[in-house]
Amino acid sequence: MVDLHHRIVEEKSMQKTLVWIVLSAAISVVGSVAYADTRLVVGAGALRAYNGDQLATGRVAYEWEPLANYWDIRPYAQLLASDRGDYLVGLGVLKQTPLGRKFEIGISLSAGYYHEGSDKLGDELDHDVEFHTSLMLDYLLSPDRRLRLELGHISNADLGDENKGTESLILSIVFSR
């Protein structure tokens, strides 16, 4: 029984380490954002944002240049990973609009693969394919830095037997060129 407890503790420690390695790697490549208006997003927050049992969560995303011929919609790729091994890898689109000189508001939608970790979020998500929608508010710190607050919802859109979904609340720094 003691060995099982130690194994569980080691597994949780490894999962937390993995989340921090991914976030650290993302921060280290900030200088490699290559195109004129691409962005690297690095953030932290919580899954199950409104439940009593929140999961610490990291987010790394890469946002490509807006598609000028398609209403300036911006494609992106993202990884959301919890400290208990859950993660969601997906592709999506977002649209933002200025709100005064220092703020932008936006919405996003992505679809991706969900891996259930040790915390069994599967009771809420219940499928390998999940959709992540969010509302975001950006505060422009400088021409190449912004602070983003993002409220999201992850759901399987009735692909699984259950479709409770869960919320995310994430604060990010956005690096752009």
Protein backbone atom coordinates (compact mmCIF):
# COMPACT_ATOMS: atom_id res chain seq x y z
CA MET A 1 0.00 0.00 0.00
CA VAL A 2 2.86 2.37 0.83
CA ASP A 3 4.49 1.62 -2.56
CA LEU A 4 1.25 2.48 -4.35
CA HIS A 5 1.01 5.78 -2.45
CA HIS A 6 4.62 6.66 -3.36
CA ARG A 7 3.98 5.76 -7.00
CA ILE A 8 0.91 8.03 -7.11
CA VAL A 9 2.85 10.89 -5.49
CA GLU A 10 5.72 10.42 -7.97
CA GLU A 11 3.28 10.35 -10.91
CA LYS A 12 1.64 13.60 -9.80
CA SER A 13 5.05 15.19 -9.34
CA MET A 14 6.08 14.10 -12.84
CA GLN A 15 2.88 15.54 -14.31
CA LYS A 16 3.45 18.90 -12.61
CA THR A 17 7.03 18.87 -13.86
CA LEU A 18 5.82 18.17 -17.40
CA VAL A 19 3.42 21.14 -17.30
CA TRP A 20 6.23 23.45 -16.14
CA ILE A 21 8.65 22.09 -18.76
CA VAL A 22 6.11 22.83 -21.51
CA LEU A 23 5.52 26.34 -20.17
CA SER A 24 9.26 26.98 -19.80
CA ALA A 25 9.95 25.76 -23.33
CA ALA A 26 7.24 28.04 -24.68
CA ILE A 27 8.70 31.04 -22.87
CA SER A 28 12.17 30.25 -24.21
CA VAL A 29 10.98 30.34 -27.83
CA VAL A 30 9.42 33.78 -27.55
CA GLY A 31 12.23 35.15 -29.72
CA SER A 32 11.40 32.70 -32.47
CA VAL A 33 7.97 34.14 -33.26
CA ALA A 34 8.77 34.60 -36.92
CA TYR A 35 6.04 36.37 -38.84
CA ALA A 36 4.81 39.95 -38.79
CA ASP A 37 1.71 39.53 -36.64
CA THR A 38 2.06 36.11 -35.03
CA ARG A 39 1.67 35.59 -31.30
CA LEU A 40 2.88 33.22 -28.62
CA VAL A 41 0.51 32.89 -25.66
CA VAL A 42 1.68 31.51 -22.31
CA GLY A 43 -0.70 31.37 -19.38
CA ALA A 44 -1.84 29.72 -16.18
CA GLY A 45 -5.16 29.33 -14.46
CA ALA A 46 -7.72 26.73 -13.49
CA LEU A 47 -9.93 24.05 -15.00
CA ARG A 48 -13.19 23.51 -13.12
CA ALA A 49 -13.02 27.23 -12.48
CA TYR A 50 -16.38 27.34 -10.70
CA ASN A 51 -16.21 24.04 -8.83
CA GLY A 52 -14.69 23.48 -5.42
CA ASP A 53 -11.98 21.20 -6.84
CA GLN A 54 -10.06 23.36 -9.33
CA LEU A 55 -7.15 21.95 -11.32
CA ALA A 56 -4.07 24.10 -11.87
CA THR A 57 -3.76 24.53 -15.63
CA GLY A 58 -1.16 25.84 -18.05
CA ARG A 59 -1.87 27.05 -21.56
CA VAL A 60 0.48 27.49 -24.49
CA ALA A 61 -0.85 28.70 -27.85
CA TYR A 62 0.54 29.91 -31.15
CA GLU A 63 -1.62 32.38 -33.08
CA TRP A 64 -0.91 32.90 -36.77
CA GLU A 65 -1.42 36.14 -38.68
CA PRO A 66 -5.04 37.21 -39.22
CA LEU A 67 -6.55 36.04 -42.49
CA ALA A 68 -7.24 39.38 -44.23
CA ASN A 69 -9.62 37.85 -46.77
CA TYR A 70 -11.65 36.20 -43.99
CA TRP A 71 -12.63 39.08 -41.68
CA ASP A 72 -9.21 39.02 -39.94
CA ILE A 73 -9.98 35.70 -38.25
CA ARG A 74 -6.80 34.38 -36.66
CA PRO A 75 -6.02 30.61 -36.70
CA TYR A 76 -4.27 29.13 -33.68
CA ALA A 77 -2.98 25.93 -32.09
CA GLN A 78 -3.10 25.33 -28.35
CA LEU A 79 -2.19 23.00 -25.52
CA LEU A 80 -4.09 23.11 -22.22
CA ALA A 81 -2.56 20.87 -19.55
CA SER A 82 -3.57 20.35 -15.91
CA ASP A 83 -1.32 19.49 -13.00
CA ARG A 84 -3.01 16.07 -12.82
CA GLY A 85 -2.22 14.94 -16.34
CA ASP A 86 -5.29 16.03 -18.28
CA TYR A 87 -4.53 17.81 -21.53
CA LEU A 88 -6.30 19.15 -24.58
CA VAL A 89 -4.44 19.73 -27.86
CA GLY A 90 -6.40 21.56 -30.52
CA LEU A 91 -6.66 23.84 -33.53
CA GLY A 92 -9.05 26.75 -33.77
CA VAL A 93 -9.87 30.27 -34.84
CA LEU A 94 -10.33 33.50 -32.93
CA LYS A 95 -11.65 36.95 -33.71
CA GLN A 96 -10.78 40.09 -31.77
CA THR A 97 -11.91 43.68 -32.03
CA PRO A 98 -10.54 46.86 -30.40
CA LEU A 99 -12.32 48.26 -27.38
CA GLY A 100 -10.78 51.69 -26.97
CA ARG A 101 -7.02 52.27 -27.26
CA LYS A 102 -5.72 49.75 -24.72
CA PHE A 103 -8.23 46.88 -24.80
CA GLU A 104 -9.38 44.20 -27.24
CA ILE A 105 -12.24 41.76 -26.76
CA GLY A 106 -12.54 38.49 -28.58
CA ILE A 107 -14.02 35.05 -28.96
CA SER A 108 -12.43 31.74 -29.93
CA LEU A 109 -13.40 28.22 -30.91
CA SER A 110 -11.14 25.18 -31.18
CA ALA A 111 -11.54 21.44 -31.56
CA GLY A 112 -9.03 18.88 -30.43
CA TYR A 113 -7.94 15.70 -28.73
CA TYR A 114 -8.51 15.34 -24.98
CA HIS A 115 -6.44 12.99 -22.80
CA GLU A 116 -7.83 12.12 -19.39
CA GLY A 117 -5.35 12.33 -16.54
CA SER A 118 -5.40 10.90 -13.04
CA ASP A 119 -8.18 13.19 -11.83
CA LYS A 120 -10.87 11.60 -14.02
CA LEU A 121 -12.20 14.75 -15.66
CA GLY A 122 -13.72 12.23 -18.04
CA ASP A 123 -16.83 12.29 -15.87
CA GLU A 124 -17.29 15.85 -17.14
CA LEU A 125 -15.78 15.58 -20.63
CA ASP A 126 -16.41 11.92 -21.56
CA HIS A 127 -14.91 11.86 -25.08
CA ASP A 128 -11.58 12.03 -26.91
CA VAL A 129 -12.87 14.89 -29.10
CA GLU A 130 -13.57 18.10 -27.20
CA PHE A 131 -14.41 21.67 -28.17
CA HIS A 132 -13.03 24.72 -26.38
CA THR A 133 -14.84 28.06 -26.66
CA SER A 134 -13.77 31.21 -24.89
CA LEU A 135 -14.31 34.90 -24.33
CA MET A 136 -11.17 36.96 -23.92
CA LEU A 137 -10.15 40.44 -22.86
CA ASP A 138 -6.67 41.70 -23.78
CA TYR A 139 -4.93 44.68 -22.18
CA LEU A 140 -2.17 46.11 -24.38
CA LEU A 141 0.97 46.54 -22.27
CA SER A 142 3.21 47.57 -25.19
CA PRO A 143 3.23 47.14 -28.98
CA ASP A 144 4.53 43.56 -28.59
CA ARG A 145 3.09 42.50 -25.20
CA ARG A 146 -0.42 42.11 -23.88
CA LEU A 147 -2.11 40.62 -20.85
CA ARG A 148 -5.10 38.34 -21.56
CA LEU A 149 -7.90 37.16 -19.29
CA GLU A 150 -9.80 34.26 -20.82
CA LEU A 151 -12.97 32.52 -19.66
CA GLY A 152 -13.53 29.24 -21.51
CA HIS A 153 -15.78 26.21 -21.69
CA ILE A 154 -14.72 22.71 -22.75
CA SER A 155 -17.41 20.33 -23.98
CA ASN A 156 -17.81 17.30 -26.23
CA ALA A 157 -20.92 18.78 -27.95
CA ASP A 158 -22.91 15.60 -27.18
CA LEU A 159 -20.40 13.27 -28.86
CA GLY A 160 -20.10 11.25 -25.64
CA ASP A 161 -22.60 9.66 -23.27
CA GLU A 162 -22.20 12.60 -20.88
CA ASN A 163 -21.78 16.27 -21.77
CA LYS A 164 -21.36 18.16 -18.52
CA GLY A 165 -18.33 20.11 -19.70
CA THR A 166 -16.08 22.24 -17.54
CA GLU A 167 -14.95 25.85 -17.38
CA SER A 168 -11.47 27.33 -17.56
CA LEU A 169 -10.19 30.68 -16.30
CA ILE A 170 -6.73 31.58 -17.57
CA LEU A 171 -4.48 34.64 -17.30
CA SER A 172 -1.87 34.82 -20.06
CA ILE A 173 0.88 36.99 -21.39
CA VAL A 174 0.84 37.35 -25.16
CA PHE A 175 4.08 37.98 -27.05
CA SER A 176 3.79 39.32 -30.59
CA ARG A 177 5.90 40.65 -33.44
